Amino acid sequence: MLGSYRFPFSVGVVALVLTFVSGPSYGQLRFDRGQNVQPVFEGWERNSDGTFTMVFGYLNRNYEEMPEAAVGPNNAFEPGPADRGQPTRFYPRRQQFVFRVPVPADWGEKDLVWTVTSHGKTDRAYGTLMPSWEIDDGVIKANRGSGASGFPSDNQRPVVSVQEGSEFTVTLPRTLVLTAVVSDDGVPGPRPERPPQTDPREIAFRQTLGRLPSPNNQAIVSARTAHETGLGLTWMHYRGPGEVSFDPMTARIEGGRGGEVVTTVTFTEPGTHVIRAYADDSINTTPFDITVQVQ
């Protein structure tokens, strides 16, 4: 069990019929914009105090467009508070293990439903505590492309903070300069160097990734950066209007145990923004949120 999508079986059956009846498969088409966002339930984690944590991500079907859906009718959880810390900006393609939602020990068999409406289409992810959806470091590692076995049992989550604080006010066109402080236990460490690729298909795929702007393959860029040294940092625009750029957006931490990364953040629109720094040890990520009032 890899703990990613939770789609009903009937969807696959319909797709199969369309492939044989209608000719060419739509799965081969690339859409830069105009497509919907599919929220995804990744699985749940067991906490030491008897409570649980449900983990969510999403698939933005666009290769370029980053739809925005403010918390409310188009982006909400139920039952309970509509705002469970979900993103309102959606980076292109598959973004895994984006945020976590705690639920009490007596949650039982209820579903926690995340609903997102974009481009006129409403999609839902159903969080459940069914035993088959329990995840651990091995599941996360497998989903992030590191293989399904051999994960270290003593891995600790990385730690990240920002020297300057967590709340700021910026007046355009000024930028914001932030110093992220990242540390880790050094486990699992850098991935062993792979031999040079000889498969033409793999070479072509990696060349394509290299040509994409970093937001378009964010999950892949983040994991690849962390694999190089065992520890990396990635910034994302989590909530807020307009565009936010980071220089640099991703950085590896030499030595794999700790260091500082200075990043310049540029905003295009006034409003309340949440930007998020992820510390990444190539298995787990730890977020640190900053709220910026842009005037």
Protein backbone atom coordinates (compact mmCIF):
# COMPACT_ATOMS: atom_id res chain seq x y z
CA MET A 1 0.00 0.00 0.00
CA LEU A 2 1.53 3.27 -1.08
CA GLY A 3 -1.03 5.55 0.53
CA SER A 4 -1.56 8.08 -2.23
CA TYR A 5 -4.80 8.29 -4.26
CA ARG A 6 -8.13 7.14 -2.97
CA PHE A 7 -10.18 6.75 -6.12
CA PRO A 8 -13.15 4.39 -6.56
CA PHE A 9 -12.48 1.37 -8.78
CA SER A 10 -15.22 2.43 -11.18
CA VAL A 11 -13.08 5.37 -12.38
CA GLY A 12 -10.48 2.97 -13.72
CA VAL A 13 -13.15 0.89 -15.47
CA VAL A 14 -14.57 3.95 -17.25
CA ALA A 15 -11.10 5.04 -18.35
CA LEU A 16 -10.43 1.59 -19.77
CA VAL A 17 -13.64 1.62 -21.80
CA LEU A 18 -12.86 5.06 -23.20
CA THR A 19 -9.41 3.92 -24.26
CA PHE A 20 -10.70 1.07 -26.37
CA VAL A 21 -13.92 2.61 -27.64
CA SER A 22 -12.91 6.20 -28.32
CA GLY A 23 -9.45 5.75 -29.77
CA PRO A 24 -6.43 7.70 -28.43
CA SER A 25 -6.16 7.96 -24.65
CA TYR A 26 -6.63 11.42 -23.13
CA GLY A 27 -4.01 10.43 -20.55
CA GLN A 28 -1.33 11.28 -23.10
CA LEU A 29 -2.42 14.91 -23.49
CA ARG A 30 -0.65 17.69 -21.63
CA PHE A 31 -2.71 20.60 -20.34
CA ASP A 32 -0.85 23.73 -19.30
CA ARG A 33 -3.96 25.34 -17.79
CA GLY A 34 -7.72 25.09 -17.44
CA GLN A 35 -7.78 21.79 -15.52
CA ASN A 36 -9.05 21.02 -12.03
CA VAL A 37 -7.30 20.26 -8.74
CA GLN A 38 -7.85 16.81 -7.21
CA PRO A 39 -7.31 16.72 -3.42
CA VAL A 40 -5.65 13.50 -2.24
CA PHE A 41 -5.76 11.61 1.06
CA GLU A 42 -2.27 10.16 1.61
CA GLY A 43 -3.00 8.16 4.78
CA TRP A 44 -2.89 8.53 8.55
CA GLU A 45 -0.20 8.46 11.23
CA ARG A 46 -0.46 7.16 14.80
CA ASN A 47 0.57 9.60 17.58
CA SER A 48 2.09 8.63 20.93
CA ASP A 49 -0.76 10.27 22.90
CA GLY A 50 -3.41 8.07 21.24
CA THR A 51 -4.55 10.67 18.72
CA PHE A 52 -4.09 10.44 14.95
CA THR A 53 -2.89 12.65 12.13
CA MET A 54 -4.42 12.55 8.66
CA VAL A 55 -2.12 13.51 5.81
CA PHE A 56 -3.24 15.19 2.58
CA GLY A 57 -1.74 16.31 -0.73
CA TYR A 58 -3.15 17.09 -4.15
CA LEU A 59 -2.87 16.68 -7.89
CA ASN A 60 -3.06 19.91 -9.89
CA ARG A 61 -3.72 18.56 -13.38
CA ASN A 62 -2.13 21.62 -15.01
CA TYR A 63 1.53 21.78 -16.00
CA GLU A 64 1.80 25.57 -15.62
CA GLU A 65 -1.27 27.14 -14.02
CA MET A 66 -1.40 27.51 -10.22
CA PRO A 67 -5.10 27.83 -9.35
CA GLU A 68 -6.10 29.70 -6.19
CA ALA A 69 -9.05 28.66 -4.02
CA ALA A 70 -9.62 30.64 -0.82
CA VAL A 71 -10.82 28.81 2.28
CA GLY A 72 -14.61 28.74 2.04
CA PRO A 73 -17.14 27.08 -0.27
CA ASN A 74 -14.43 26.23 -2.84
CA ASN A 75 -11.86 24.90 -0.38
CA ALA A 76 -13.16 23.41 2.86
CA PHE A 77 -13.13 20.50 5.27
CA GLU A 78 -16.05 18.77 6.93
CA PRO A 79 -17.07 17.91 9.56
CA GLY A 80 -15.78 20.59 11.89
CA PRO A 81 -13.83 23.73 10.94
CA ALA A 82 -13.61 24.44 7.20
CA ASP A 83 -10.05 25.69 7.69
CA ARG A 84 -7.73 22.83 8.62
CA GLY A 85 -4.51 24.48 7.44
CA GLN A 86 -4.88 23.45 3.79
CA PRO A 87 -3.17 25.40 0.99
CA THR A 88 -5.05 27.91 -1.11
CA ARG A 89 -2.38 28.01 -3.85
CA PHE A 90 -1.87 24.80 -5.83
CA TYR A 91 1.45 24.09 -7.50
CA PRO A 92 1.37 22.16 -10.78
CA ARG A 93 1.20 18.38 -10.87
CA ARG A 94 1.42 15.98 -7.91
CA GLN A 95 2.35 17.47 -4.54
CA GLN A 96 2.60 14.81 -1.84
CA PHE A 97 2.27 14.94 1.97
CA VAL A 98 1.59 18.68 1.86
CA PHE A 99 -0.14 19.14 5.23
CA ARG A 100 -1.34 17.24 8.28
CA VAL A 101 -4.62 17.42 10.17
CA PRO A 102 -4.80 16.09 13.77
CA VAL A 103 -7.93 14.21 14.84
CA PRO A 104 -8.84 12.99 18.35
CA ALA A 105 -8.37 9.48 19.67
CA ASP A 106 -12.14 8.83 19.54
CA TRP A 107 -12.47 9.84 15.86
CA GLY A 108 -13.74 6.37 15.02
CA GLU A 109 -15.05 5.47 11.56
CA LYS A 110 -15.99 8.96 10.39
CA ASP A 111 -14.53 10.40 7.15
CA LEU A 112 -12.72 13.74 7.13
CA VAL A 113 -13.62 15.21 3.74
CA TRP A 114 -11.58 17.85 1.90
CA THR A 115 -13.50 19.49 -0.95
CA VAL A 116 -11.86 21.66 -3.63
CA THR A 117 -13.66 23.35 -6.53
CA SER A 118 -11.61 24.68 -9.43
CA HIS A 119 -12.51 25.48 -13.03
CA GLY A 120 -16.11 24.59 -12.26
CA LYS A 121 -15.36 21.04 -11.11
CA THR A 122 -15.68 19.84 -7.52
CA ASP A 123 -13.42 17.06 -6.23
CA ARG A 124 -13.10 15.46 -2.81
CA ALA A 125 -10.60 13.48 -0.76
CA TYR A 126 -11.92 11.19 1.99
CA GLY A 127 -9.70 10.78 5.03
CA THR A 128 -10.32 7.59 7.00
CA LEU A 129 -8.67 5.68 9.84
CA MET A 130 -9.06 2.34 8.10
CA PRO A 131 -6.02 0.18 9.05
CA SER A 132 -4.90 -0.22 5.44
CA TRP A 133 -4.30 3.55 5.21
CA GLU A 134 -1.78 3.77 8.06
CA ILE A 135 1.52 5.23 6.82
CA ASP A 136 5.06 5.35 8.17
CA ASP A 137 8.50 6.41 6.94
CA GLY A 138 8.62 3.41 4.60
CA VAL A 139 5.40 4.42 2.84
CA ILE A 140 6.56 8.04 2.56
CA LYS A 141 9.93 6.94 1.20
CA ALA A 142 8.32 4.70 -1.41
CA ASN A 143 5.96 7.46 -2.56
CA ARG A 144 8.83 9.93 -2.87
CA GLY A 145 10.75 7.68 -5.23
CA SER A 146 13.33 6.19 -2.85
CA GLY A 147 12.18 2.59 -2.93
CA ALA A 148 9.95 0.67 -0.53
CA SER A 149 12.47 -1.09 1.70
CA GLY A 150 15.55 -0.42 3.78
CA PHE A 151 14.39 2.80 5.42
CA PRO A 152 16.11 3.70 8.72
CA SER A 153 13.98 2.98 11.80
CA ASP A 154 15.62 5.73 13.87
CA ASN A 155 15.04 8.62 11.45
CA GLN A 156 14.04 11.90 13.13
CA ARG A 157 12.15 14.63 11.31
CA PRO A 158 14.29 17.63 10.30
CA VAL A 159 13.86 20.97 12.09
CA VAL A 160 13.50 24.40 10.48
CA SER A 161 12.99 27.95 11.77
CA VAL A 162 13.56 31.45 10.43
CA GLN A 163 15.91 33.81 12.26
CA GLU A 164 13.91 36.94 11.54
CA GLY A 165 10.61 35.58 12.94
CA SER A 166 7.26 34.40 11.56
CA GLU A 167 5.25 37.62 10.94
CA PHE A 168 6.22 40.49 8.64
CA THR A 169 4.84 43.56 6.90
CA VAL A 170 6.23 44.52 3.48
CA THR A 171 5.42 47.54 1.31
CA LEU A 172 5.69 46.94 -2.44
CA PRO A 173 7.99 46.90 -4.32
CA ARG A 174 10.26 45.99 -1.41
CA THR A 175 11.40 42.38 -1.03
CA LEU A 176 11.81 40.24 2.06
CA VAL A 177 15.13 38.62 2.97
CA LEU A 178 14.85 35.57 5.23
CA THR A 179 17.43 33.30 6.85
CA ALA A 180 16.21 29.74 7.33
CA VAL A 181 18.02 27.64 9.94
CA VAL A 182 17.80 23.91 9.18
CA SER A 183 19.05 20.93 11.20
CA ASP A 184 18.71 17.15 11.14
CA ASP A 185 20.11 13.98 12.72
CA GLY A 186 21.98 13.02 9.54
CA VAL A 187 19.65 10.06 8.87
CA PRO A 188 19.15 8.71 6.22
CA GLY A 189 22.00 10.82 4.78
CA PRO A 190 22.78 11.40 1.11
CA ARG A 191 21.64 8.88 -1.46
CA PRO A 192 24.52 6.85 -2.96
CA GLU A 193 25.59 8.14 -6.33
CA ARG A 194 23.85 6.42 -9.20
CA PRO A 195 25.74 5.11 -12.20
CA PRO A 196 25.30 7.20 -15.37
CA GLN A 197 22.00 6.62 -17.12
CA THR A 198 22.10 4.72 -20.40
CA ASP A 199 18.37 4.23 -20.98
CA PRO A 200 17.36 6.81 -23.66
CA ARG A 201 13.86 7.12 -22.16
CA GLU A 202 15.23 7.94 -18.71
CA ILE A 203 17.70 10.45 -20.16
CA ALA A 204 14.91 12.17 -22.12
CA PHE A 205 12.70 12.30 -19.00
CA ARG A 206 15.41 13.94 -16.89
CA GLN A 207 16.20 16.43 -19.64
CA THR A 208 12.52 17.39 -19.70
CA LEU A 209 12.55 17.92 -15.93
CA GLY A 210 15.59 20.13 -16.22
CA ARG A 211 13.78 22.42 -18.67
CA LEU A 212 10.74 22.88 -16.42
CA PRO A 213 10.63 25.91 -14.10
CA SER A 214 11.05 24.71 -10.52
CA PRO A 215 7.43 25.32 -9.42
CA ASN A 216 6.26 22.95 -12.17
CA ASN A 217 8.07 19.96 -10.73
CA GLN A 218 8.31 21.11 -7.13
CA ALA A 219 8.00 17.74 -5.40
CA ILE A 220 10.66 16.21 -7.66
CA VAL A 221 13.03 19.16 -7.28
CA SER A 222 12.68 19.11 -3.48
CA ALA A 223 13.36 15.38 -3.17
CA ARG A 224 16.28 15.48 -5.61
CA THR A 225 17.88 18.40 -3.75
CA ALA A 226 17.59 16.63 -0.39
CA HIS A 227 18.99 13.37 -1.81
CA GLU A 228 22.23 15.08 -2.84
CA THR A 229 23.35 15.82 0.74
CA GLY A 230 20.66 14.24 2.90
CA LEU A 231 19.10 17.60 3.80
CA GLY A 232 17.48 20.35 1.78
CA LEU A 233 15.21 23.39 2.01
CA THR A 234 12.28 24.30 -0.26
CA TRP A 235 10.09 27.44 -0.19
CA MET A 236 6.48 27.51 -1.42
CA HIS A 237 3.71 30.11 -1.72
CA TYR A 238 1.09 28.48 0.49
CA ARG A 239 -1.67 31.09 0.69
CA GLY A 240 -2.30 34.51 -0.82
CA PRO A 241 -3.01 36.32 -4.10
CA GLY A 242 -0.74 36.97 -7.08
CA GLU A 243 2.68 35.42 -7.53
CA VAL A 244 5.52 34.98 -5.05
CA SER A 245 9.05 34.12 -6.17
CA PHE A 246 11.96 32.83 -4.11
CA ASP A 247 15.66 33.22 -4.83
CA PRO A 248 16.69 30.49 -4.27
CA MET A 249 13.53 28.38 -4.11
CA THR A 250 15.40 25.18 -3.20
CA ALA A 251 18.80 24.68 -1.60
CA ARG A 252 20.78 21.71 -0.34
CA ILE A 253 22.41 21.83 3.11
CA GLU A 254 26.01 20.71 2.76
CA GLY A 255 27.00 18.06 5.30
CA GLY A 256 23.40 16.94 5.74
CA ARG A 257 23.14 17.94 9.41
CA GLY A 258 22.51 21.66 9.53
CA GLY A 259 23.08 25.07 8.09
CA GLU A 260 21.56 28.38 7.05
CA VAL A 261 19.96 29.43 3.76
CA VAL A 262 19.34 33.09 2.88
CA THR A 263 16.38 33.58 0.52
CA THR A 264 14.95 36.71 -1.11
CA VAL A 265 11.15 36.73 -1.43
CA THR A 266 9.39 38.91 -4.01
CA PHE A 267 5.63 39.62 -4.08
CA THR A 268 3.46 40.93 -6.93
CA GLU A 269 0.14 41.53 -5.12
CA PRO A 270 -0.88 43.14 -1.82
CA GLY A 271 -2.77 41.04 0.71
CA THR A 272 -2.19 38.46 3.41
CA HIS A 273 0.28 35.79 2.31
CA VAL A 274 1.48 32.60 3.94
CA ILE A 275 4.82 31.32 2.68
CA ARG A 276 6.14 27.97 3.83
CA ALA A 277 9.67 26.64 4.27
CA TYR A 278 10.03 22.85 4.12
CA ALA A 279 13.06 21.16 5.66
CA ASP A 280 13.56 17.89 3.78
CA ASP A 281 15.75 14.95 4.83
CA SER A 282 14.74 13.00 1.68
CA ILE A 283 12.12 11.00 3.62
CA ASN A 284 10.25 13.43 5.85
CA THR A 285 9.55 17.13 5.50
CA THR A 286 8.92 19.65 8.29
CA PRO A 287 7.11 22.93 7.52
CA PHE A 288 7.60 26.40 8.96
CA ASP A 289 4.98 29.01 8.08
CA ILE A 290 5.47 32.75 7.81
CA THR A 291 2.63 35.27 7.51
CA VAL A 292 3.38 38.38 5.46
CA GLN A 293 1.11 41.42 5.19
CA VAL A 294 1.94 42.95 1.81
CA GLN A 295 0.88 46.59 1.35
